[in-house]
Amino acid sequence: MYAGTFSIVARDADTGMCGVAISSRMPAIGSLCVFAHARTGAVVTQALINPLLGVDALGLLAEHPAEAALERVLKGDPDTDARQVARVDGEGRAAAHTGAQTHPWSGHRTGEGYAVAGNILTGAATLDAMARRWEDGGGEPLDQRLLSALEAAQAAGGDRRGRQSAALYVHAGHPYPYLDLRVDEHPDPVAELRRVHTVAERELLPFVEALPTRANPEGDFERLLDTDG
């Protein structure tokens, strides 16, 4: 299925976290296109969606830098001209591919620690705004920085067909995500994602930060209870 979409993949150099923010005029875009792990990187696959590109690319990023992983995964794909893929590896190196048959306006940008990509957009301003907001957000938490970049892209035009879904995914290196938020069907999904994120900051993230980890199997629930009290 073709999905007109705008997205950002990024790595936080200070924390090592990796994540993705994405929005589209398609329901539940976060269910098929978003892949990330702090030890390997982050990947998004869009346009004529092939989730296998995300699965395989994330595995390849464990052993190959972003550009090499991109080349390898595209070699095994039968329809690369219709695909759009962006990725950042565990060292912050970025790479992206926009196939010649992706619907206009389509394109991508890469920079230190991030890549942005989009297709069926109102124009290049969508990606320019997303990249600029990311670059201006140094020092912000990764989730806030990704979400703000997505908001900037939407304000600059976004998907030319309209709005329907959005997602924010952040991985901190544990077997479970640090943050996995989705708005699967909504008339203003990026704004709704911001509302959900505000609730998650207050009610979810303190719990996630107290969960058991491999290094601390008991977790840190006592601190959480002390805070609640």
C-alpha atoms as a PDB file:
ATOM      1  CA  MET A   1       0.000   0.000   0.000  1.00  0.00           C
ATOM      2  CA  TYR A   2       1.254   3.515  -0.834  1.00  0.00           C
ATOM      3  CA  ALA A   3       1.408   5.730   2.213  1.00  0.00           C
ATOM      4  CA  GLY A   4       2.008   9.438   1.794  1.00  0.00           C
ATOM      5  CA  THR A   5       4.034  10.057   4.902  1.00  0.00           C
ATOM      6  CA  PHE A   6       6.566  12.308   6.618  1.00  0.00           C
ATOM      7  CA  SER A   7       8.946  10.950   9.230  1.00  0.00           C
ATOM      8  CA  ILE A   8      12.178  11.396  11.146  1.00  0.00           C
ATOM      9  CA  VAL A   9      14.599   8.779  12.478  1.00  0.00           C
ATOM     10  CA  ALA A  10      17.226   9.932  14.957  1.00  0.00           C
ATOM     11  CA  ARG A  11      19.776   9.024  17.607  1.00  0.00           C
ATOM     12  CA  ASP A  12      20.463  11.023  20.768  1.00  0.00           C
ATOM     13  CA  ALA A  13      24.239  11.314  21.066  1.00  0.00           C
ATOM     14  CA  ASP A  14      24.055  12.036  24.816  1.00  0.00           C
ATOM     15  CA  THR A  15      21.890   9.084  25.876  1.00  0.00           C
ATOM     16  CA  GLY A  16      22.305   6.612  23.002  1.00  0.00           C
ATOM     17  CA  MET A  17      18.526   6.375  22.621  1.00  0.00           C
ATOM     18  CA  CYS A  18      17.120   5.937  19.110  1.00  0.00           C
ATOM     19  CA  GLY A  19      13.654   6.763  17.862  1.00  0.00           C
ATOM     20  CA  VAL A  20      11.163   7.537  15.125  1.00  0.00           C
ATOM     21  CA  ALA A  21       8.324  10.030  14.695  1.00  0.00           C
ATOM     22  CA  ILE A  22       5.926   9.647  11.773  1.00  0.00           C
ATOM     23  CA  SER A  23       2.575  10.856  10.425  1.00  0.00           C
ATOM     24  CA  SER A  24       0.452   9.936   7.400  1.00  0.00           C
ATOM     25  CA  ARG A  25      -2.904  10.095   5.643  1.00  0.00           C
ATOM     26  CA  MET A  26      -3.266   6.387   6.354  1.00  0.00           C
ATOM     27  CA  PRO A  27      -4.580   4.671   9.492  1.00  0.00           C
ATOM     28  CA  ALA A  28      -2.215   3.096  12.019  1.00  0.00           C
ATOM     29  CA  ILE A  29       0.992   4.144  10.249  1.00  0.00           C
ATOM     30  CA  GLY A  30       3.023   3.300  13.346  1.00  0.00           C
ATOM     31  CA  SER A  31       2.058  -0.375  13.139  1.00  0.00           C
ATOM     32  CA  LEU A  32       3.945  -1.102   9.903  1.00  0.00           C
ATOM     33  CA  CYS A  33       6.685   1.455   9.356  1.00  0.00           C
ATOM     34  CA  VAL A  34       8.565   2.036  12.617  1.00  0.00           C
ATOM     35  CA  PHE A  35      11.621   0.091  13.836  1.00  0.00           C
ATOM     36  CA  ALA A  36      14.233   1.078  16.447  1.00  0.00           C
ATOM     37  CA  HIS A  37      16.698  -0.329  18.954  1.00  0.00           C
ATOM     38  CA  ALA A  38      19.185   1.765  20.891  1.00  0.00           C
ATOM     39  CA  ARG A  39      22.090  -0.597  20.221  1.00  0.00           C
ATOM     40  CA  THR A  40      21.591  -0.682  16.455  1.00  0.00           C
ATOM     41  CA  GLY A  41      19.632   2.363  15.293  1.00  0.00           C
ATOM     42  CA  ALA A  42      16.268   3.365  13.863  1.00  0.00           C
ATOM     43  CA  VAL A  43      14.548   2.675  10.541  1.00  0.00           C
ATOM     44  CA  VAL A  44      11.383   3.830   8.807  1.00  0.00           C
ATOM     45  CA  THR A  45       9.938   2.281   5.637  1.00  0.00           C
ATOM     46  CA  GLN A  46       7.228   4.126   3.709  1.00  0.00           C
ATOM     47  CA  ALA A  47       5.765   4.938   0.243  1.00  0.00           C
ATOM     48  CA  LEU A  48       4.985   1.440  -1.121  1.00  0.00           C
ATOM     49  CA  ILE A  49       5.417  -0.026   2.371  1.00  0.00           C
ATOM     50  CA  ASN A  50       7.524  -3.133   2.876  1.00  0.00           C
ATOM     51  CA  PRO A  51       7.892  -3.864   6.606  1.00  0.00           C
ATOM     52  CA  LEU A  52      10.544  -6.478   5.824  1.00  0.00           C
ATOM     53  CA  LEU A  53      12.884  -3.647   4.884  1.00  0.00           C
ATOM     54  CA  GLY A  54      12.585  -2.313   8.418  1.00  0.00           C
ATOM     55  CA  VAL A  55      13.041  -5.695  10.079  1.00  0.00           C
ATOM     56  CA  ASP A  56      16.017  -6.634   7.908  1.00  0.00           C
ATOM     57  CA  ALA A  57      17.630  -3.213   8.051  1.00  0.00           C
ATOM     58  CA  LEU A  58      17.520  -3.099  11.841  1.00  0.00           C
ATOM     59  CA  GLY A  59      19.296  -6.458  11.923  1.00  0.00           C
ATOM     60  CA  LEU A  60      21.918  -5.315   9.411  1.00  0.00           C
ATOM     61  CA  LEU A  61      22.597  -2.152  11.400  1.00  0.00           C
ATOM     62  CA  ALA A  62      23.976  -4.344  14.183  1.00  0.00           C
ATOM     63  CA  GLU A  63      26.979  -5.133  11.952  1.00  0.00           C
ATOM     64  CA  HIS A  64      27.039  -2.469   9.220  1.00  0.00           C
ATOM     65  CA  PRO A  65      26.964   1.351   9.127  1.00  0.00           C
ATOM     66  CA  ALA A  66      23.815   3.034   7.848  1.00  0.00           C
ATOM     67  CA  GLU A  67      24.829   3.448   4.204  1.00  0.00           C
ATOM     68  CA  ALA A  68      26.087  -0.123   3.832  1.00  0.00           C
ATOM     69  CA  ALA A  69      23.019  -1.540   5.579  1.00  0.00           C
ATOM     70  CA  LEU A  70      20.787   0.448   3.230  1.00  0.00           C
ATOM     71  CA  GLU A  71      22.576  -0.852   0.143  1.00  0.00           C
ATOM     72  CA  ARG A  72      22.376  -4.436   1.348  1.00  0.00           C
ATOM     73  CA  VAL A  73      18.698  -4.379   2.228  1.00  0.00           C
ATOM     74  CA  LEU A  74      17.691  -2.728  -1.047  1.00  0.00           C
ATOM     75  CA  LYS A  75      19.584  -5.335  -3.070  1.00  0.00           C
ATOM     76  CA  GLY A  76      17.109  -7.953  -1.902  1.00  0.00           C
ATOM     77  CA  ASP A  77      13.986  -5.888  -2.595  1.00  0.00           C
ATOM     78  CA  PRO A  78      12.108  -6.346  -5.900  1.00  0.00           C
ATOM     79  CA  ASP A  79      10.567  -2.872  -6.078  1.00  0.00           C
ATOM     80  CA  THR A  80      13.108  -0.352  -4.785  1.00  0.00           C
ATOM     81  CA  ASP A  81      11.896   2.422  -7.122  1.00  0.00           C
ATOM     82  CA  ALA A  82       8.610   2.529  -5.219  1.00  0.00           C
ATOM     83  CA  ARG A  83      10.136   2.440  -1.730  1.00  0.00           C
ATOM     84  CA  GLN A  84      11.277   5.106   0.669  1.00  0.00           C
ATOM     85  CA  VAL A  85      13.562   4.123   3.530  1.00  0.00           C
ATOM     86  CA  ALA A  86      15.432   6.212   6.103  1.00  0.00           C
ATOM     87  CA  ARG A  87      17.752   5.014   8.810  1.00  0.00           C
ATOM     88  CA  VAL A  88      20.273   6.076  11.409  1.00  0.00           C
ATOM     89  CA  ASP A  89      22.749   3.654  12.956  1.00  0.00           C
ATOM     90  CA  GLY A  90      24.005   3.261  16.522  1.00  0.00           C
ATOM     91  CA  GLU A  91      26.799   5.761  15.878  1.00  0.00           C
ATOM     92  CA  GLY A  92      24.484   8.424  14.481  1.00  0.00           C
ATOM     93  CA  ARG A  93      25.361   7.905  10.818  1.00  0.00           C
ATOM     94  CA  ALA A  94      22.332   8.437   8.574  1.00  0.00           C
ATOM     95  CA  ALA A  95      21.263   7.209   5.139  1.00  0.00           C
ATOM     96  CA  ALA A  96      18.060   7.355   3.104  1.00  0.00           C
ATOM     97  CA  HIS A  97      16.559   6.191  -0.174  1.00  0.00           C
ATOM     98  CA  THR A  98      13.699   7.725  -2.164  1.00  0.00           C
ATOM     99  CA  GLY A  99      12.707   5.646  -5.176  1.00  0.00           C
ATOM    100  CA  ALA A 100      12.092   7.306  -8.539  1.00  0.00           C
ATOM    101  CA  GLN A 101       8.481   6.076  -8.599  1.00  0.00           C
ATOM    102  CA  THR A 102       7.462   7.486  -5.211  1.00  0.00           C
ATOM    103  CA  HIS A 103       4.633   9.998  -5.628  1.00  0.00           C
ATOM    104  CA  PRO A 104       5.539  13.713  -5.600  1.00  0.00           C
ATOM    105  CA  TRP A 105       6.473  15.673  -3.741  1.00  0.00           C
ATOM    106  CA  SER A 106       8.956  13.159  -2.355  1.00  0.00           C
ATOM    107  CA  GLY A 107      12.476  13.362  -1.006  1.00  0.00           C
ATOM    108  CA  HIS A 108      14.726  13.069   2.015  1.00  0.00           C
ATOM    109  CA  ARG A 109      17.380  14.913   4.007  1.00  0.00           C
ATOM    110  CA  THR A 110      20.173  13.518   6.175  1.00  0.00           C
ATOM    111  CA  GLY A 111      22.309  15.142   8.834  1.00  0.00           C
ATOM    112  CA  GLU A 112      24.392  14.268  11.862  1.00  0.00           C
ATOM    113  CA  GLY A 113      22.342  11.832  13.912  1.00  0.00           C
ATOM    114  CA  TYR A 114      19.130  12.006  11.890  1.00  0.00           C
ATOM    115  CA  ALA A 115      17.298  11.538   8.592  1.00  0.00           C
ATOM    116  CA  VAL A 116      13.937  12.917   7.469  1.00  0.00           C
ATOM    117  CA  ALA A 117      11.869  11.586   4.582  1.00  0.00           C
ATOM    118  CA  GLY A 118       8.490  12.120   2.990  1.00  0.00           C
ATOM    119  CA  ASN A 119       6.315  11.422  -0.020  1.00  0.00           C
ATOM    120  CA  ILE A 120       2.999  12.770  -1.340  1.00  0.00           C
ATOM    121  CA  LEU A 121       3.845  15.971   0.536  1.00  0.00           C
ATOM    122  CA  THR A 122       2.684  19.530  -0.049  1.00  0.00           C
ATOM    123  CA  GLY A 123       6.320  20.346  -0.868  1.00  0.00           C
ATOM    124  CA  ALA A 124       9.933  20.403   0.252  1.00  0.00           C
ATOM    125  CA  ALA A 125       9.120  22.853   3.056  1.00  0.00           C
ATOM    126  CA  THR A 126       7.719  19.972   5.107  1.00  0.00           C
ATOM    127  CA  LEU A 127      11.077  18.215   5.293  1.00  0.00           C
ATOM    128  CA  ASP A 128      13.036  21.452   5.597  1.00  0.00           C
ATOM    129  CA  ALA A 129      10.976  22.456   8.632  1.00  0.00           C
ATOM    130  CA  MET A 130      11.359  19.033  10.232  1.00  0.00           C
ATOM    131  CA  ALA A 131      15.135  18.999   9.753  1.00  0.00           C
ATOM    132  CA  ARG A 132      15.512  22.575  10.978  1.00  0.00           C
ATOM    133  CA  ARG A 133      13.484  21.936  14.140  1.00  0.00           C
ATOM    134  CA  TRP A 134      15.535  18.824  14.892  1.00  0.00           C
ATOM    135  CA  GLU A 135      18.803  20.699  14.466  1.00  0.00           C
ATOM    136  CA  ASP A 136      17.590  23.568  16.658  1.00  0.00           C
ATOM    137  CA  GLY A 137      16.540  21.186  19.447  1.00  0.00           C
ATOM    138  CA  GLY A 138      19.921  20.151  20.791  1.00  0.00           C
ATOM    139  CA  GLY A 139      19.768  19.372  24.521  1.00  0.00           C
ATOM    140  CA  GLU A 140      16.078  18.424  24.500  1.00  0.00           C
ATOM    141  CA  PRO A 141      14.990  14.881  25.454  1.00  0.00           C
ATOM    142  CA  LEU A 142      14.777  12.677  22.376  1.00  0.00           C
ATOM    143  CA  ASP A 143      11.020  12.158  22.598  1.00  0.00           C
ATOM    144  CA  GLN A 144      10.357  15.889  22.836  1.00  0.00           C
ATOM    145  CA  ARG A 145      12.761  16.676  20.030  1.00  0.00           C
ATOM    146  CA  LEU A 146      11.228  14.092  17.683  1.00  0.00           C
ATOM    147  CA  LEU A 147       7.680  15.190  18.419  1.00  0.00           C
ATOM    148  CA  SER A 148       8.521  18.866  17.948  1.00  0.00           C
ATOM    149  CA  ALA A 149      10.116  18.057  14.585  1.00  0.00           C
ATOM    150  CA  LEU A 150       6.933  16.248  13.555  1.00  0.00           C
ATOM    151  CA  GLU A 151       4.832  19.229  14.609  1.00  0.00           C
ATOM    152  CA  ALA A 152       7.033  21.568  12.568  1.00  0.00           C
ATOM    153  CA  ALA A 153       6.583  19.353   9.516  1.00  0.00           C
ATOM    154  CA  GLN A 154       2.810  19.327   9.915  1.00  0.00           C
ATOM    155  CA  ALA A 155       2.719  23.106  10.317  1.00  0.00           C
ATOM    156  CA  ALA A 156       4.745  23.462   7.102  1.00  0.00           C
ATOM    157  CA  GLY A 157       2.261  21.414   5.067  1.00  0.00           C
ATOM    158  CA  GLY A 158       2.632  17.709   5.777  1.00  0.00           C
ATOM    159  CA  ASP A 159       0.873  15.085   3.661  1.00  0.00           C
ATOM    160  CA  ARG A 160      -0.953  16.807   0.766  1.00  0.00           C
ATOM    161  CA  ARG A 161      -3.850  14.322   0.990  1.00  0.00           C
ATOM    162  CA  GLY A 162      -4.687  15.208   4.603  1.00  0.00           C
ATOM    163  CA  ARG A 163      -4.181  13.765   8.094  1.00  0.00           C
ATOM    164  CA  GLN A 164      -5.055  10.461   9.736  1.00  0.00           C
ATOM    165  CA  SER A 165      -2.432   8.851  12.004  1.00  0.00           C
ATOM    166  CA  ALA A 166       0.848   9.494  13.810  1.00  0.00           C
ATOM    167  CA  ALA A 167       3.297   7.637  16.025  1.00  0.00           C
ATOM    168  CA  LEU A 168       6.273   8.204  18.304  1.00  0.00           C
ATOM    169  CA  TYR A 169       8.641   5.366  19.209  1.00  0.00           C
ATOM    170  CA  VAL A 170      11.770   5.630  21.391  1.00  0.00           C
ATOM    171  CA  HIS A 171      14.099   2.805  22.417  1.00  0.00           C
ATOM    172  CA  ALA A 172      16.575   3.068  25.279  1.00  0.00           C
ATOM    173  CA  GLY A 173      18.347  -0.304  25.012  1.00  0.00           C
ATOM    174  CA  HIS A 174      16.101  -2.549  27.101  1.00  0.00           C
ATOM    175  CA  PRO A 175      14.063  -5.485  25.725  1.00  0.00           C
ATOM    176  CA  TYR A 176      11.018  -3.203  25.759  1.00  0.00           C
ATOM    177  CA  PRO A 177      10.522   0.314  24.338  1.00  0.00           C
ATOM    178  CA  TYR A 178      10.997   3.437  26.386  1.00  0.00           C
ATOM    179  CA  LEU A 179       8.033   5.019  24.642  1.00  0.00           C
ATOM    180  CA  ASP A 180       5.587   3.629  22.083  1.00  0.00           C
ATOM    181  CA  LEU A 181       2.719   6.037  21.402  1.00  0.00           C
ATOM    182  CA  ARG A 182       0.276   5.812  18.496  1.00  0.00           C
ATOM    183  CA  VAL A 183      -2.693   7.770  17.234  1.00  0.00           C
ATOM    184  CA  ASP A 184      -4.168   5.332  14.744  1.00  0.00           C
ATOM    185  CA  GLU A 185      -7.123   7.357  13.389  1.00  0.00           C
ATOM    186  CA  HIS A 186      -7.797  10.995  14.167  1.00  0.00           C
ATOM    187  CA  PRO A 187      -8.633  14.203  12.238  1.00  0.00           C
ATOM    188  CA  ASP A 188      -5.558  15.940  13.701  1.00  0.00           C
ATOM    189  CA  PRO A 189      -3.189  13.101  14.638  1.00  0.00           C
ATOM    190  CA  VAL A 190      -0.030  15.092  15.351  1.00  0.00           C
ATOM    191  CA  ALA A 191      -1.871  17.382  17.769  1.00  0.00           C
ATOM    192  CA  GLU A 192      -3.484  14.339  19.375  1.00  0.00           C
ATOM    193  CA  LEU A 193      -0.069  12.676  19.653  1.00  0.00           C
ATOM    194  CA  ARG A 194       1.153  15.736  21.556  1.00  0.00           C
ATOM    195  CA  ARG A 195      -1.799  15.428  23.954  1.00  0.00           C
ATOM    196  CA  VAL A 196      -1.132  11.726  24.511  1.00  0.00           C
ATOM    197  CA  HIS A 197       2.571  12.420  25.010  1.00  0.00           C
ATOM    198  CA  THR A 198       1.777  15.024  27.675  1.00  0.00           C
ATOM    199  CA  VAL A 199      -0.259  12.409  29.553  1.00  0.00           C
ATOM    200  CA  ALA A 200       2.500   9.815  29.094  1.00  0.00           C
ATOM    201  CA  GLU A 201       5.142  12.169  30.484  1.00  0.00           C
ATOM    202  CA  ARG A 202       3.131  12.534  33.643  1.00  0.00           C
ATOM    203  CA  GLU A 203       1.601   9.077  34.087  1.00  0.00           C
ATOM    204  CA  LEU A 204       3.660   6.565  32.060  1.00  0.00           C
ATOM    205  CA  LEU A 205       7.330   7.534  31.827  1.00  0.00           C
ATOM    206  CA  PRO A 206       7.976   7.587  35.604  1.00  0.00           C
ATOM    207  CA  PHE A 207       6.706   3.980  35.678  1.00  0.00           C
ATOM    208  CA  VAL A 208       8.772   2.963  32.635  1.00  0.00           C
ATOM    209  CA  GLU A 209      11.896   4.427  34.221  1.00  0.00           C
ATOM    210  CA  ALA A 210      11.256   2.273  37.331  1.00  0.00           C
ATOM    211  CA  LEU A 211      10.778  -1.015  35.443  1.00  0.00           C
ATOM    212  CA  PRO A 212      13.144  -3.975  35.912  1.00  0.00           C
ATOM    213  CA  THR A 213      16.153  -4.060  33.595  1.00  0.00           C
ATOM    214  CA  ARG A 214      18.822  -6.693  32.903  1.00  0.00           C
ATOM    215  CA  ALA A 215      21.218  -4.702  35.080  1.00  0.00           C
ATOM    216  CA  ASN A 216      18.624  -4.125  37.831  1.00  0.00           C
ATOM    217  CA  PRO A 217      16.121  -7.042  37.850  1.00  0.00           C
ATOM    218  CA  GLU A 218      14.213  -5.628  40.831  1.00  0.00           C
ATOM    219  CA  GLY A 219      13.604  -2.304  39.169  1.00  0.00           C
ATOM    220  CA  ASP A 220      13.275   0.944  41.072  1.00  0.00           C
ATOM    221  CA  PHE A 221       9.685   0.828  42.248  1.00  0.00           C
ATOM    222  CA  GLU A 222      10.563   2.039  45.734  1.00  0.00           C
ATOM    223  CA  ARG A 223      11.603   5.392  44.269  1.00  0.00           C
ATOM    224  CA  LEU A 224       8.347   5.504  42.343  1.00  0.00           C
ATOM    225  CA  LEU A 225       6.316   4.799  45.483  1.00  0.00           C
ATOM    226  CA  ASP A 226       8.218   7.457  47.391  1.00  0.00           C
ATOM    227  CA  THR A 227       7.417   9.949  44.657  1.00  0.00           C
ATOM    228  CA  ASP A 228       3.746   8.968  44.677  1.00  0.00           C
ATOM    229  CA  GLY A 229       3.629   9.361  48.396  1.00  0.00           C
END
